[in-house]
Amino acid sequence: MLCDEIHRLRLANGITQARLADRLGVSKQSISNWENNNIQPSVELLEKMADFFAVSTDALLGRQPDILIDASGLTDEQAAHIRQLIHDIRNAGKKL
């Protein structure tokens, strides 16, 4: 759930509710309400939060894992190497 992801990401990054509120331009009470599932942030604030934590909005909403790899600026060949490394790592874990 969104409330759990906000809380988890905030703690994982060592950020207080007050600091996150300051960075997003909202009150500390807003952060508390989001984390307690009392209210939902606007789409604009959801996007700001995703940018702040460097995750996708889908990850915040629990629709995909929050691990993203930014391959912008890489050539197609370099991106293919990264995909192959990920594939190899996943397969190595299955063999153990």
C-alpha atoms as a PDB file:
ATOM      1  CA  MET A   1       0.000   0.000   0.000  1.00  0.00           C
ATOM      2  CA  LEU A   2       1.057   3.565  -0.595  1.00  0.00           C
ATOM      3  CA  CYS A   3       1.092   4.373   3.116  1.00  0.00           C
ATOM      4  CA  ASP A   4       3.506   1.499   3.797  1.00  0.00           C
ATOM      5  CA  GLU A   5       5.812   2.436   0.906  1.00  0.00           C
ATOM      6  CA  ILE A   6       6.065   6.068   1.993  1.00  0.00           C
ATOM      7  CA  HIS A   7       6.914   4.990   5.522  1.00  0.00           C
ATOM      8  CA  ARG A   8       9.392   2.335   4.375  1.00  0.00           C
ATOM      9  CA  LEU A   9      11.201   4.632   1.945  1.00  0.00           C
ATOM     10  CA  ARG A  10      11.342   7.465   4.445  1.00  0.00           C
ATOM     11  CA  LEU A  11      12.890   5.240   7.114  1.00  0.00           C
ATOM     12  CA  ALA A  12      15.223   3.521   4.649  1.00  0.00           C
ATOM     13  CA  ASN A  13      16.567   6.941   3.688  1.00  0.00           C
ATOM     14  CA  GLY A  14      16.851   8.126   7.299  1.00  0.00           C
ATOM     15  CA  ILE A  15      14.451  11.019   6.766  1.00  0.00           C
ATOM     16  CA  THR A  16      12.071  12.404   9.360  1.00  0.00           C
ATOM     17  CA  GLN A  17       8.499  13.264   8.552  1.00  0.00           C
ATOM     18  CA  ALA A  18       9.372  16.935   9.060  1.00  0.00           C
ATOM     19  CA  ARG A  19      12.256  16.811   6.591  1.00  0.00           C
ATOM     20  CA  LEU A  20      10.209  14.986   3.957  1.00  0.00           C
ATOM     21  CA  ALA A  21       7.404  17.499   4.436  1.00  0.00           C
ATOM     22  CA  ASP A  22       9.853  20.366   3.963  1.00  0.00           C
ATOM     23  CA  ARG A  23      11.290  18.819   0.780  1.00  0.00           C
ATOM     24  CA  LEU A  24       7.806  18.278  -0.673  1.00  0.00           C
ATOM     25  CA  GLY A  25       6.395  21.623   0.468  1.00  0.00           C
ATOM     26  CA  VAL A  26       3.684  20.156   2.686  1.00  0.00           C
ATOM     27  CA  SER A  27       3.047  19.973   6.426  1.00  0.00           C
ATOM     28  CA  LYS A  28       4.422  17.258   8.684  1.00  0.00           C
ATOM     29  CA  GLN A  29       0.787  16.408   9.416  1.00  0.00           C
ATOM     30  CA  SER A  30       0.275  15.599   5.714  1.00  0.00           C
ATOM     31  CA  ILE A  31       3.119  13.073   5.816  1.00  0.00           C
ATOM     32  CA  SER A  32       1.684  11.560   8.985  1.00  0.00           C
ATOM     33  CA  ASN A  33      -1.773  11.329   7.411  1.00  0.00           C
ATOM     34  CA  TRP A  34      -0.345   9.651   4.304  1.00  0.00           C
ATOM     35  CA  GLU A  35       1.603   7.133   6.374  1.00  0.00           C
ATOM     36  CA  ASN A  36      -1.457   6.377   8.511  1.00  0.00           C
ATOM     37  CA  ASN A  37      -3.622   5.978   5.405  1.00  0.00           C
ATOM     38  CA  ASN A  38      -5.937   8.785   6.519  1.00  0.00           C
ATOM     39  CA  ILE A  39      -5.621  10.710   3.246  1.00  0.00           C
ATOM     40  CA  GLN A  40      -3.858  10.230  -0.087  1.00  0.00           C
ATOM     41  CA  PRO A  41      -1.382  12.646  -1.666  1.00  0.00           C
ATOM     42  CA  SER A  42      -2.317  14.375  -4.894  1.00  0.00           C
ATOM     43  CA  VAL A  43      -0.933  13.054  -8.164  1.00  0.00           C
ATOM     44  CA  GLU A  44       1.455  16.025  -8.245  1.00  0.00           C
ATOM     45  CA  LEU A  45       2.800  15.167  -4.789  1.00  0.00           C
ATOM     46  CA  LEU A  46       2.988  11.482  -5.658  1.00  0.00           C
ATOM     47  CA  GLU A  47       5.243  12.428  -8.587  1.00  0.00           C
ATOM     48  CA  LYS A  48       7.369  14.714  -6.387  1.00  0.00           C
ATOM     49  CA  MET A  49       7.742  11.916  -3.856  1.00  0.00           C
ATOM     50  CA  ALA A  50       8.745   9.424  -6.547  1.00  0.00           C
ATOM     51  CA  ASP A  51      11.374  11.878  -7.815  1.00  0.00           C
ATOM     52  CA  PHE A  52      12.624  12.545  -4.284  1.00  0.00           C
ATOM     53  CA  PHE A  53      13.047   8.837  -3.512  1.00  0.00           C
ATOM     54  CA  ALA A  54      14.207   8.013  -7.072  1.00  0.00           C
ATOM     55  CA  VAL A  55      11.510   5.381  -7.587  1.00  0.00           C
ATOM     56  CA  SER A  56       8.619   5.134 -10.006  1.00  0.00           C
ATOM     57  CA  THR A  57       5.086   6.078  -9.066  1.00  0.00           C
ATOM     58  CA  ASP A  58       4.205   2.435  -9.731  1.00  0.00           C
ATOM     59  CA  ALA A  59       6.712   1.408  -7.069  1.00  0.00           C
ATOM     60  CA  LEU A  60       5.189   3.864  -4.587  1.00  0.00           C
ATOM     61  CA  LEU A  61       1.771   2.413  -5.311  1.00  0.00           C
ATOM     62  CA  GLY A  62       3.070  -1.132  -4.833  1.00  0.00           C
ATOM     63  CA  ARG A  63       2.548  -2.023  -8.492  1.00  0.00           C
ATOM     64  CA  GLN A  64       6.171  -2.930  -9.231  1.00  0.00           C
ATOM     65  CA  PRO A  65       9.394  -3.421  -7.311  1.00  0.00           C
ATOM     66  CA  ASP A  66      11.151  -0.194  -6.346  1.00  0.00           C
ATOM     67  CA  ILE A  67      14.443  -1.238  -7.899  1.00  0.00           C
ATOM     68  CA  LEU A  68      14.927   0.601 -11.144  1.00  0.00           C
ATOM     69  CA  ILE A  69      18.040   0.835 -13.231  1.00  0.00           C
ATOM     70  CA  ASP A  70      18.508   4.032 -15.197  1.00  0.00           C
ATOM     71  CA  ALA A  71      20.018   3.054 -18.540  1.00  0.00           C
ATOM     72  CA  SER A  72      19.587   6.450 -20.156  1.00  0.00           C
ATOM     73  CA  GLY A  73      22.652   7.527 -22.074  1.00  0.00           C
ATOM     74  CA  LEU A  74      23.770   3.964 -22.730  1.00  0.00           C
ATOM     75  CA  THR A  75      23.993   2.545 -26.208  1.00  0.00           C
ATOM     76  CA  ASP A  76      21.647  -0.274 -27.177  1.00  0.00           C
ATOM     77  CA  GLU A  77      24.585  -2.654 -26.902  1.00  0.00           C
ATOM     78  CA  GLN A  78      25.461  -1.448 -23.388  1.00  0.00           C
ATOM     79  CA  ALA A  79      21.824  -1.735 -22.278  1.00  0.00           C
ATOM     80  CA  ALA A  80      21.743  -5.272 -23.672  1.00  0.00           C
ATOM     81  CA  HIS A  81      24.821  -6.133 -21.578  1.00  0.00           C
ATOM     82  CA  ILE A  82      23.079  -4.831 -18.463  1.00  0.00           C
ATOM     83  CA  ARG A  83      19.975  -6.917 -19.245  1.00  0.00           C
ATOM     84  CA  GLN A  84      22.185  -9.980 -19.746  1.00  0.00           C
ATOM     85  CA  LEU A  85      23.964  -9.400 -16.423  1.00  0.00           C
ATOM     86  CA  ILE A  86      20.626  -9.172 -14.641  1.00  0.00           C
ATOM     87  CA  HIS A  87      19.466 -12.351 -16.361  1.00  0.00           C
ATOM     88  CA  ASP A  88      22.682 -14.169 -15.387  1.00  0.00           C
ATOM     89  CA  ILE A  89      22.445 -13.025 -11.768  1.00  0.00           C
ATOM     90  CA  ARG A  90      18.826 -14.186 -11.511  1.00  0.00           C
ATOM     91  CA  ASN A  91      19.689 -17.562 -12.987  1.00  0.00           C
ATOM     92  CA  ALA A  92      22.726 -17.981 -10.717  1.00  0.00           C
ATOM     93  CA  GLY A  93      20.460 -17.517  -7.702  1.00  0.00           C
ATOM     94  CA  LYS A  94      18.149 -20.276  -8.916  1.00  0.00           C
ATOM     95  CA  LYS A  95      21.017 -22.754  -9.219  1.00  0.00           C
ATOM     96  CA  LEU A  96      22.073 -22.434  -5.585  1.00  0.00           C
END
